[in-house]
Amino acid sequence: MKLETKVTPWLGFNNKAEEAARFYTSIIPHSSIHSITKKPGTSDALVVKFELGGLPVYALNSGQDWKFSTAFSFSVGCDDQEELDHLWAALSEGGQEFECGWVTDKFGLSWQIVPARLSTYLDPSTPERATRVLHAVWGMVKLDIASLEAAYSENE
């Protein structure tokens, strides 16, 4: 796990930190759990240190009923439609789907499941292309990479 970063996200759970970390690391490529610190005198997890696609993350069982909001999300860049579909299905199960490639998982955490090339599609140096792609994104719930590629390449 890379700990050279100065900023590391901590996710607060009432009592599902380990369950959430195991779920996330099972579906996000290049992810793993690094350690689980137990609550003193119990076998229950207190802190789970894990990595999501190379990003160090901590999950904390705070004992509080904190709620996530869409003001914070993780964005996952997918290399192809198969990967996007797989992550979408896993994260939306027990959660909720939203427009523009957003999904809230069964723990209430928000995710943006997008093509890895999205920043290329939205490059401000090609405003006509970016506008076409944005209009396509706004018309979708789960993103369709082929449709975004078509919007990006239109008139070429």
N, C-alpha and C. Protein backbone atom coordinates (compact mmCIF):
# COMPACT_ATOMS: atom_id res chain seq x y z
N MET A 1 0.85 -1.18 0.00
CA MET A 1 0.00 0.00 0.00
C MET A 1 0.89 1.23 0.00
N LYS A 2 0.56 2.18 -0.85
CA LYS A 2 1.31 3.42 -0.91
C LYS A 2 0.85 4.34 0.21
N LEU A 3 1.75 4.69 1.10
CA LEU A 3 1.40 5.61 2.17
C LEU A 3 2.13 6.94 2.02
N GLU A 4 2.69 7.16 0.82
CA GLU A 4 3.41 8.40 0.58
C GLU A 4 2.47 9.59 0.41
N THR A 5 1.19 9.34 0.22
CA THR A 5 0.25 10.43 0.02
C THR A 5 0.03 11.19 1.31
N LYS A 6 -0.21 12.47 1.20
CA LYS A 6 -0.51 13.29 2.37
C LYS A 6 -1.99 13.23 2.70
N VAL A 7 -2.80 12.88 1.72
CA VAL A 7 -4.25 12.84 1.92
C VAL A 7 -4.73 11.42 1.67
N THR A 8 -5.44 10.88 2.64
CA THR A 8 -5.97 9.52 2.53
C THR A 8 -7.43 9.52 2.99
N PRO A 9 -8.33 9.00 2.18
CA PRO A 9 -9.73 8.96 2.60
C PRO A 9 -9.98 7.96 3.73
N TRP A 10 -10.82 8.36 4.66
CA TRP A 10 -11.32 7.50 5.74
C TRP A 10 -12.83 7.42 5.56
N LEU A 11 -13.35 6.23 5.54
CA LEU A 11 -14.79 6.00 5.41
C LEU A 11 -15.34 5.55 6.75
N GLY A 12 -16.34 6.23 7.25
CA GLY A 12 -16.91 5.90 8.55
C GLY A 12 -18.15 5.02 8.43
N PHE A 13 -18.15 3.94 9.19
CA PHE A 13 -19.27 3.01 9.22
C PHE A 13 -19.68 2.80 10.68
N ASN A 14 -20.91 2.39 10.88
CA ASN A 14 -21.35 2.05 12.23
C ASN A 14 -20.68 0.76 12.66
N ASN A 15 -20.84 -0.30 11.83
CA ASN A 15 -20.22 -1.58 12.17
C ASN A 15 -19.94 -2.45 10.94
N LYS A 16 -19.85 -1.85 9.75
CA LYS A 16 -19.67 -2.64 8.53
C LYS A 16 -18.39 -2.31 7.78
N ALA A 17 -17.39 -1.77 8.47
CA ALA A 17 -16.14 -1.39 7.81
C ALA A 17 -15.46 -2.57 7.12
N GLU A 18 -15.35 -3.69 7.83
CA GLU A 18 -14.68 -4.86 7.25
C GLU A 18 -15.50 -5.43 6.09
N GLU A 19 -16.80 -5.53 6.27
CA GLU A 19 -17.66 -6.05 5.19
C GLU A 19 -17.54 -5.18 3.95
N ALA A 20 -17.58 -3.86 4.13
CA ALA A 20 -17.47 -2.94 3.00
C ALA A 20 -16.11 -3.06 2.33
N ALA A 21 -15.04 -3.08 3.11
CA ALA A 21 -13.70 -3.18 2.53
C ALA A 21 -13.53 -4.48 1.75
N ARG A 22 -14.05 -5.56 2.29
CA ARG A 22 -13.95 -6.85 1.59
C ARG A 22 -14.75 -6.81 0.28
N PHE A 23 -15.92 -6.19 0.31
CA PHE A 23 -16.74 -6.06 -0.89
C PHE A 23 -16.02 -5.21 -1.94
N TYR A 24 -15.56 -4.04 -1.55
CA TYR A 24 -14.90 -3.13 -2.50
C TYR A 24 -13.65 -3.76 -3.10
N THR A 25 -12.83 -4.40 -2.27
CA THR A 25 -11.59 -4.98 -2.80
C THR A 25 -11.86 -6.21 -3.66
N SER A 26 -13.03 -6.81 -3.52
CA SER A 26 -13.36 -7.98 -4.35
C SER A 26 -13.80 -7.57 -5.75
N ILE A 27 -14.23 -6.32 -5.93
CA ILE A 27 -14.75 -5.94 -7.26
C ILE A 27 -13.90 -4.89 -7.99
N ILE A 28 -13.11 -4.11 -7.27
CA ILE A 28 -12.29 -3.08 -7.91
C ILE A 28 -10.92 -3.69 -8.24
N PRO A 29 -10.51 -3.65 -9.51
CA PRO A 29 -9.21 -4.22 -9.88
C PRO A 29 -8.05 -3.56 -9.10
N HIS A 30 -7.01 -4.34 -8.86
CA HIS A 30 -5.79 -3.87 -8.18
C HIS A 30 -6.09 -3.37 -6.78
N SER A 31 -6.88 -4.13 -6.05
CA SER A 31 -7.29 -3.76 -4.70
C SER A 31 -7.00 -4.90 -3.74
N SER A 32 -6.75 -4.54 -2.49
CA SER A 32 -6.49 -5.57 -1.48
C SER A 32 -6.61 -4.98 -0.08
N ILE A 33 -6.87 -5.85 0.87
CA ILE A 33 -6.89 -5.45 2.28
C ILE A 33 -5.48 -5.64 2.82
N HIS A 34 -5.00 -4.64 3.54
CA HIS A 34 -3.64 -4.70 4.09
C HIS A 34 -3.61 -5.05 5.56
N SER A 35 -4.57 -4.56 6.33
CA SER A 35 -4.59 -4.92 7.75
C SER A 35 -5.96 -4.61 8.34
N ILE A 36 -6.24 -5.33 9.43
CA ILE A 36 -7.47 -5.09 10.19
C ILE A 36 -7.08 -4.96 11.66
N THR A 37 -7.34 -3.79 12.22
CA THR A 37 -7.09 -3.56 13.63
C THR A 37 -8.39 -3.83 14.37
N LYS A 38 -8.32 -4.70 15.36
CA LYS A 38 -9.52 -5.09 16.11
C LYS A 38 -9.79 -4.12 17.26
N LYS A 39 -11.07 -4.00 17.62
CA LYS A 39 -11.43 -3.23 18.81
C LYS A 39 -10.83 -3.95 20.01
N PRO A 40 -10.26 -3.22 20.95
CA PRO A 40 -9.64 -3.87 22.11
C PRO A 40 -10.61 -4.83 22.82
N GLY A 41 -10.11 -6.03 23.08
CA GLY A 41 -10.88 -7.02 23.82
C GLY A 41 -11.97 -7.72 23.02
N THR A 42 -12.01 -7.50 21.69
CA THR A 42 -13.04 -8.13 20.86
C THR A 42 -12.42 -8.70 19.59
N SER A 43 -13.23 -9.37 18.81
CA SER A 43 -12.79 -9.83 17.49
C SER A 43 -13.38 -8.95 16.39
N ASP A 44 -14.01 -7.86 16.78
CA ASP A 44 -14.64 -6.94 15.82
C ASP A 44 -13.62 -5.96 15.24
N ALA A 45 -13.75 -5.67 13.96
CA ALA A 45 -12.86 -4.72 13.31
C ALA A 45 -13.11 -3.30 13.84
N LEU A 46 -12.04 -2.57 14.04
CA LEU A 46 -12.11 -1.15 14.35
C LEU A 46 -11.69 -0.35 13.13
N VAL A 47 -10.51 -0.66 12.60
CA VAL A 47 -9.97 0.03 11.42
C VAL A 47 -9.52 -1.01 10.40
N VAL A 48 -9.92 -0.79 9.15
CA VAL A 48 -9.48 -1.65 8.05
C VAL A 48 -8.68 -0.78 7.10
N LYS A 49 -7.42 -1.16 6.89
CA LYS A 49 -6.55 -0.45 5.95
C LYS A 49 -6.57 -1.26 4.65
N PHE A 50 -6.96 -0.59 3.55
CA PHE A 50 -7.03 -1.30 2.29
C PHE A 50 -6.66 -0.39 1.14
N GLU A 51 -6.56 -0.97 -0.02
CA GLU A 51 -6.18 -0.25 -1.22
C GLU A 51 -7.24 -0.49 -2.28
N LEU A 52 -7.69 0.59 -2.92
CA LEU A 52 -8.64 0.50 -4.03
C LEU A 52 -7.97 1.00 -5.29
N GLY A 53 -7.65 0.10 -6.20
CA GLY A 53 -7.04 0.50 -7.45
C GLY A 53 -5.78 1.34 -7.27
N GLY A 54 -5.03 1.07 -6.20
CA GLY A 54 -3.80 1.82 -5.93
C GLY A 54 -3.97 2.96 -4.94
N LEU A 55 -5.19 3.28 -4.56
CA LEU A 55 -5.46 4.38 -3.62
C LEU A 55 -5.56 3.83 -2.21
N PRO A 56 -4.75 4.33 -1.27
CA PRO A 56 -4.90 3.89 0.12
C PRO A 56 -6.18 4.46 0.73
N VAL A 57 -6.92 3.59 1.41
CA VAL A 57 -8.20 3.97 2.02
C VAL A 57 -8.28 3.30 3.39
N TYR A 58 -8.93 3.96 4.31
CA TYR A 58 -9.20 3.37 5.62
C TYR A 58 -10.71 3.34 5.83
N ALA A 59 -11.18 2.29 6.47
CA ALA A 59 -12.57 2.19 6.89
C ALA A 59 -12.58 2.07 8.41
N LEU A 60 -13.43 2.85 9.04
CA LEU A 60 -13.49 2.93 10.49
C LEU A 60 -14.87 2.56 10.98
N ASN A 61 -14.95 1.63 11.91
CA ASN A 61 -16.20 1.35 12.61
C ASN A 61 -16.28 2.33 13.77
N SER A 62 -17.02 3.39 13.54
CA SER A 62 -17.06 4.49 14.51
C SER A 62 -18.05 4.26 15.63
N GLY A 63 -19.02 3.35 15.40
CA GLY A 63 -20.09 3.18 16.37
C GLY A 63 -21.17 4.25 16.22
N GLN A 64 -20.97 5.12 15.27
CA GLN A 64 -21.94 6.18 14.96
C GLN A 64 -22.72 5.78 13.71
N ASP A 65 -23.92 6.25 13.59
CA ASP A 65 -24.72 5.96 12.40
C ASP A 65 -24.54 7.08 11.37
N TRP A 66 -23.29 7.31 10.99
CA TRP A 66 -23.00 8.33 9.98
C TRP A 66 -23.55 7.90 8.64
N LYS A 67 -23.92 8.87 7.83
CA LYS A 67 -24.43 8.60 6.50
C LYS A 67 -23.51 9.25 5.46
N PHE A 68 -23.28 8.53 4.38
CA PHE A 68 -22.56 9.11 3.25
C PHE A 68 -23.53 9.98 2.47
N SER A 69 -23.00 10.91 1.69
CA SER A 69 -23.83 11.69 0.78
C SER A 69 -23.17 11.72 -0.59
N THR A 70 -23.91 12.14 -1.58
CA THR A 70 -23.36 12.23 -2.93
C THR A 70 -22.35 13.37 -3.06
N ALA A 71 -22.16 14.14 -2.00
CA ALA A 71 -21.14 15.18 -2.03
C ALA A 71 -19.74 14.57 -2.09
N PHE A 72 -19.61 13.28 -1.75
CA PHE A 72 -18.34 12.56 -1.86
C PHE A 72 -18.60 11.30 -2.67
N SER A 73 -17.71 11.04 -3.63
CA SER A 73 -17.83 9.80 -4.41
C SER A 73 -16.45 9.34 -4.84
N PHE A 74 -16.37 8.06 -5.16
CA PHE A 74 -15.19 7.51 -5.81
C PHE A 74 -15.53 7.38 -7.29
N SER A 75 -14.59 7.72 -8.15
CA SER A 75 -14.75 7.55 -9.58
C SER A 75 -13.84 6.41 -10.03
N VAL A 76 -14.40 5.49 -10.79
CA VAL A 76 -13.63 4.36 -11.30
C VAL A 76 -13.63 4.43 -12.82
N GLY A 77 -12.42 4.55 -13.40
CA GLY A 77 -12.27 4.58 -14.84
C GLY A 77 -12.17 3.17 -15.39
N CYS A 78 -13.09 2.81 -16.25
CA CYS A 78 -13.18 1.45 -16.80
C CYS A 78 -12.58 1.41 -18.20
N ASP A 79 -11.80 0.36 -18.47
CA ASP A 79 -11.13 0.23 -19.76
C ASP A 79 -12.06 -0.21 -20.88
N ASP A 80 -13.15 -0.90 -20.55
CA ASP A 80 -14.08 -1.37 -21.58
C ASP A 80 -15.48 -1.52 -20.98
N GLN A 81 -16.44 -1.79 -21.85
CA GLN A 81 -17.83 -1.90 -21.41
C GLN A 81 -18.05 -3.09 -20.48
N GLU A 82 -17.31 -4.17 -20.70
CA GLU A 82 -17.45 -5.34 -19.84
C GLU A 82 -17.09 -4.99 -18.38
N GLU A 83 -15.99 -4.28 -18.20
CA GLU A 83 -15.59 -3.87 -16.85
C GLU A 83 -16.61 -2.91 -16.25
N LEU A 84 -17.07 -1.96 -17.06
CA LEU A 84 -18.07 -1.00 -16.60
C LEU A 84 -19.35 -1.72 -16.18
N ASP A 85 -19.82 -2.64 -17.00
CA ASP A 85 -21.04 -3.39 -16.68
C ASP A 85 -20.88 -4.21 -15.40
N HIS A 86 -19.72 -4.84 -15.24
CA HIS A 86 -19.46 -5.66 -14.04
C HIS A 86 -19.50 -4.80 -12.78
N LEU A 87 -18.78 -3.69 -12.78
CA LEU A 87 -18.76 -2.82 -11.60
C LEU A 87 -20.13 -2.22 -11.33
N TRP A 88 -20.82 -1.83 -12.39
CA TRP A 88 -22.15 -1.25 -12.24
C TRP A 88 -23.10 -2.24 -11.57
N ALA A 89 -23.08 -3.47 -12.05
CA ALA A 89 -23.97 -4.50 -11.50
C ALA A 89 -23.64 -4.76 -10.03
N ALA A 90 -22.36 -4.89 -9.71
CA ALA A 90 -21.95 -5.20 -8.34
C ALA A 90 -22.29 -4.05 -7.39
N LEU A 91 -21.99 -2.83 -7.80
CA LEU A 91 -22.20 -1.68 -6.91
C LEU A 91 -23.68 -1.28 -6.79
N SER A 92 -24.45 -1.52 -7.83
CA SER A 92 -25.86 -1.12 -7.76
C SER A 92 -26.74 -2.15 -7.04
N GLU A 93 -26.24 -3.38 -6.87
CA GLU A 93 -27.01 -4.41 -6.17
C GLU A 93 -27.22 -3.97 -4.71
N GLY A 94 -28.46 -3.78 -4.35
CA GLY A 94 -28.79 -3.31 -3.01
C GLY A 94 -28.63 -1.82 -2.84
N GLY A 95 -28.23 -1.14 -3.92
CA GLY A 95 -28.05 0.32 -3.89
C GLY A 95 -29.04 1.01 -4.80
N GLN A 96 -28.60 2.09 -5.40
CA GLN A 96 -29.48 2.88 -6.25
C GLN A 96 -28.70 3.44 -7.43
N GLU A 97 -29.30 3.37 -8.62
CA GLU A 97 -28.69 3.90 -9.84
C GLU A 97 -29.16 5.33 -10.07
N PHE A 98 -28.24 6.16 -10.56
CA PHE A 98 -28.55 7.55 -10.88
C PHE A 98 -28.06 7.88 -12.28
N GLU A 99 -28.51 8.98 -12.80
CA GLU A 99 -28.09 9.41 -14.13
C GLU A 99 -26.60 9.75 -14.16
N CYS A 100 -26.09 9.77 -15.37
CA CYS A 100 -24.71 10.21 -15.65
C CYS A 100 -23.64 9.28 -15.10
N GLY A 101 -23.96 7.99 -14.92
CA GLY A 101 -22.96 7.03 -14.48
C GLY A 101 -22.72 6.97 -12.99
N TRP A 102 -23.67 7.49 -12.20
CA TRP A 102 -23.54 7.48 -10.74
C TRP A 102 -24.36 6.34 -10.16
N VAL A 103 -23.83 5.73 -9.11
CA VAL A 103 -24.53 4.68 -8.38
C VAL A 103 -24.18 4.81 -6.90
N THR A 104 -25.15 4.54 -6.06
CA THR A 104 -24.91 4.47 -4.62
C THR A 104 -25.00 3.01 -4.23
N ASP A 105 -23.97 2.51 -3.55
CA ASP A 105 -23.92 1.08 -3.21
C ASP A 105 -24.75 0.76 -1.97
N LYS A 106 -24.77 -0.50 -1.59
CA LYS A 106 -25.58 -0.97 -0.46
C LYS A 106 -25.15 -0.38 0.87
N PHE A 107 -23.97 0.22 0.94
CA PHE A 107 -23.50 0.88 2.16
C PHE A 107 -23.80 2.38 2.15
N GLY A 108 -24.33 2.87 1.01
CA GLY A 108 -24.66 4.28 0.89
C GLY A 108 -23.57 5.14 0.28
N LEU A 109 -22.45 4.53 -0.12
CA LEU A 109 -21.34 5.27 -0.71
C LEU A 109 -21.60 5.49 -2.20
N SER A 110 -21.30 6.68 -2.69
CA SER A 110 -21.53 7.03 -4.10
C SER A 110 -20.29 6.75 -4.95
N TRP A 111 -20.57 6.28 -6.16
CA TRP A 111 -19.54 5.93 -7.12
C TRP A 111 -19.89 6.52 -8.48
N GLN A 112 -18.88 6.92 -9.23
CA GLN A 112 -19.04 7.29 -10.63
C GLN A 112 -18.32 6.20 -11.43
N ILE A 113 -19.07 5.46 -12.22
CA ILE A 113 -18.51 4.37 -13.01
C ILE A 113 -18.45 4.87 -14.45
N VAL A 114 -17.24 5.20 -14.89
CA VAL A 114 -17.05 5.94 -16.13
C VAL A 114 -15.98 5.29 -17.01
N PRO A 115 -15.97 5.64 -18.31
CA PRO A 115 -14.87 5.17 -19.16
C PRO A 115 -13.55 5.78 -18.70
N ALA A 116 -12.47 5.02 -18.77
CA ALA A 116 -11.16 5.54 -18.41
C ALA A 116 -10.79 6.73 -19.30
N ARG A 117 -11.33 6.78 -20.49
CA ARG A 117 -11.02 7.86 -21.44
C ARG A 117 -11.92 9.09 -21.27
N LEU A 118 -12.71 9.15 -20.23
CA LEU A 118 -13.65 10.26 -20.09
C LEU A 118 -12.96 11.63 -20.14
N SER A 119 -11.80 11.77 -19.53
CA SER A 119 -11.12 13.07 -19.57
C SER A 119 -10.73 13.44 -20.99
N THR A 120 -10.40 12.46 -21.82
CA THR A 120 -10.11 12.72 -23.23
C THR A 120 -11.37 13.19 -23.94
N TYR A 121 -12.49 12.51 -23.67
CA TYR A 121 -13.76 12.88 -24.30
C TYR A 121 -14.18 14.31 -23.92
N LEU A 122 -13.83 14.74 -22.73
CA LEU A 122 -14.26 16.05 -22.24
C LEU A 122 -13.16 17.10 -22.31
N ASP A 123 -12.16 16.87 -23.11
CA ASP A 123 -11.03 17.80 -23.26
C ASP A 123 -11.54 19.18 -23.67
N PRO A 124 -11.25 20.21 -22.87
CA PRO A 124 -11.75 21.56 -23.18
C PRO A 124 -11.14 22.15 -24.45
N SER A 125 -10.05 21.58 -24.97
CA SER A 125 -9.47 22.10 -26.21
C SER A 125 -10.31 21.71 -27.43
N THR A 126 -11.27 20.79 -27.23
CA THR A 126 -12.21 20.42 -28.31
C THR A 126 -13.63 20.61 -27.79
N PRO A 127 -14.07 21.86 -27.64
CA PRO A 127 -15.36 22.12 -26.99
C PRO A 127 -16.56 21.50 -27.71
N GLU A 128 -16.52 21.41 -29.03
CA GLU A 128 -17.65 20.80 -29.74
C GLU A 128 -17.79 19.33 -29.37
N ARG A 129 -16.65 18.64 -29.35
CA ARG A 129 -16.67 17.22 -28.96
C ARG A 129 -17.13 17.07 -27.51
N ALA A 130 -16.56 17.87 -26.63
CA ALA A 130 -16.90 17.77 -25.21
C ALA A 130 -18.39 18.00 -25.00
N THR A 131 -18.97 18.95 -25.72
CA THR A 131 -20.40 19.24 -25.60
C THR A 131 -21.23 18.05 -26.06
N ARG A 132 -20.84 17.45 -27.19
CA ARG A 132 -21.57 16.27 -27.68
C ARG A 132 -21.51 15.13 -26.65
N VAL A 133 -20.34 14.92 -26.09
CA VAL A 133 -20.19 13.84 -25.11
C VAL A 133 -21.00 14.14 -23.86
N LEU A 134 -20.95 15.38 -23.38
CA LEU A 134 -21.75 15.74 -22.20
C LEU A 134 -23.23 15.51 -22.43
N HIS A 135 -23.72 15.90 -23.59
CA HIS A 135 -25.14 15.68 -23.90
C HIS A 135 -25.47 14.19 -23.91
N ALA A 136 -24.55 13.39 -24.42
CA ALA A 136 -24.76 11.94 -24.41
C ALA A 136 -24.78 11.41 -22.97
N VAL A 137 -23.82 11.85 -22.14
CA VAL A 137 -23.76 11.42 -20.74
C VAL A 137 -25.05 11.79 -20.02
N TRP A 138 -25.52 13.01 -20.23
CA TRP A 138 -26.72 13.48 -19.54
C TRP A 138 -27.96 12.67 -19.89
N GLY A 139 -27.94 11.98 -21.02
CA GLY A 139 -29.08 11.15 -21.43
C GLY A 139 -28.99 9.71 -20.97
N MET A 140 -27.98 9.37 -20.19
CA MET A 140 -27.78 7.98 -19.77
C MET A 140 -27.86 7.83 -18.26
N VAL A 141 -28.15 6.63 -17.82
CA VAL A 141 -27.99 6.27 -16.42
C VAL A 141 -26.64 5.55 -16.36
N LYS A 142 -26.60 4.25 -16.69
CA LYS A 142 -25.32 3.56 -16.84
C LYS A 142 -24.71 4.01 -18.15
N LEU A 143 -23.44 4.37 -18.14
CA LEU A 143 -22.80 4.89 -19.34
C LEU A 143 -22.50 3.78 -20.33
N ASP A 144 -22.67 4.11 -21.61
CA ASP A 144 -22.39 3.20 -22.71
C ASP A 144 -21.19 3.75 -23.46
N ILE A 145 -20.06 3.06 -23.37
CA ILE A 145 -18.81 3.55 -23.94
C ILE A 145 -18.91 3.73 -25.46
N ALA A 146 -19.55 2.80 -26.16
CA ALA A 146 -19.67 2.91 -27.62
C ALA A 146 -20.44 4.17 -28.01
N SER A 147 -21.48 4.50 -27.28
CA SER A 147 -22.25 5.71 -27.56
C SER A 147 -21.43 6.97 -27.29
N LEU A 148 -20.64 6.94 -26.24
CA LEU A 148 -19.77 8.09 -25.93
C LEU A 148 -18.67 8.24 -26.98
N GLU A 149 -18.11 7.12 -27.42
CA GLU A 149 -17.11 7.15 -28.50
C GLU A 149 -17.72 7.73 -29.77
N ALA A 150 -18.96 7.33 -30.07
CA ALA A 150 -19.64 7.84 -31.26
C ALA A 150 -19.87 9.34 -31.15
N ALA A 151 -20.30 9.80 -30.00
CA ALA A 151 -20.50 11.25 -29.81
C ALA A 151 -19.18 11.99 -29.93
N TYR A 152 -18.13 11.41 -29.41
CA TYR A 152 -16.80 12.04 -29.46
C TYR A 152 -16.30 12.11 -30.90
N SER A 153 -16.53 11.07 -31.69
CA SER A 153 -15.99 10.97 -33.04
C SER A 153 -16.91 11.53 -34.12
N GLU A 154 -18.11 11.95 -33.76
CA GLU A 154 -19.09 12.46 -34.73
C GLU A 154 -18.48 13.57 -35.59
N ASN A 155 -18.82 13.58 -36.89
CA ASN A 155 -18.37 14.60 -37.84
C ASN A 155 -16.88 14.51 -38.13
N GLU A 156 -16.29 13.34 -38.00
CA GLU A 156 -14.85 13.22 -38.30
C GLU A 156 -14.63 12.33 -39.47
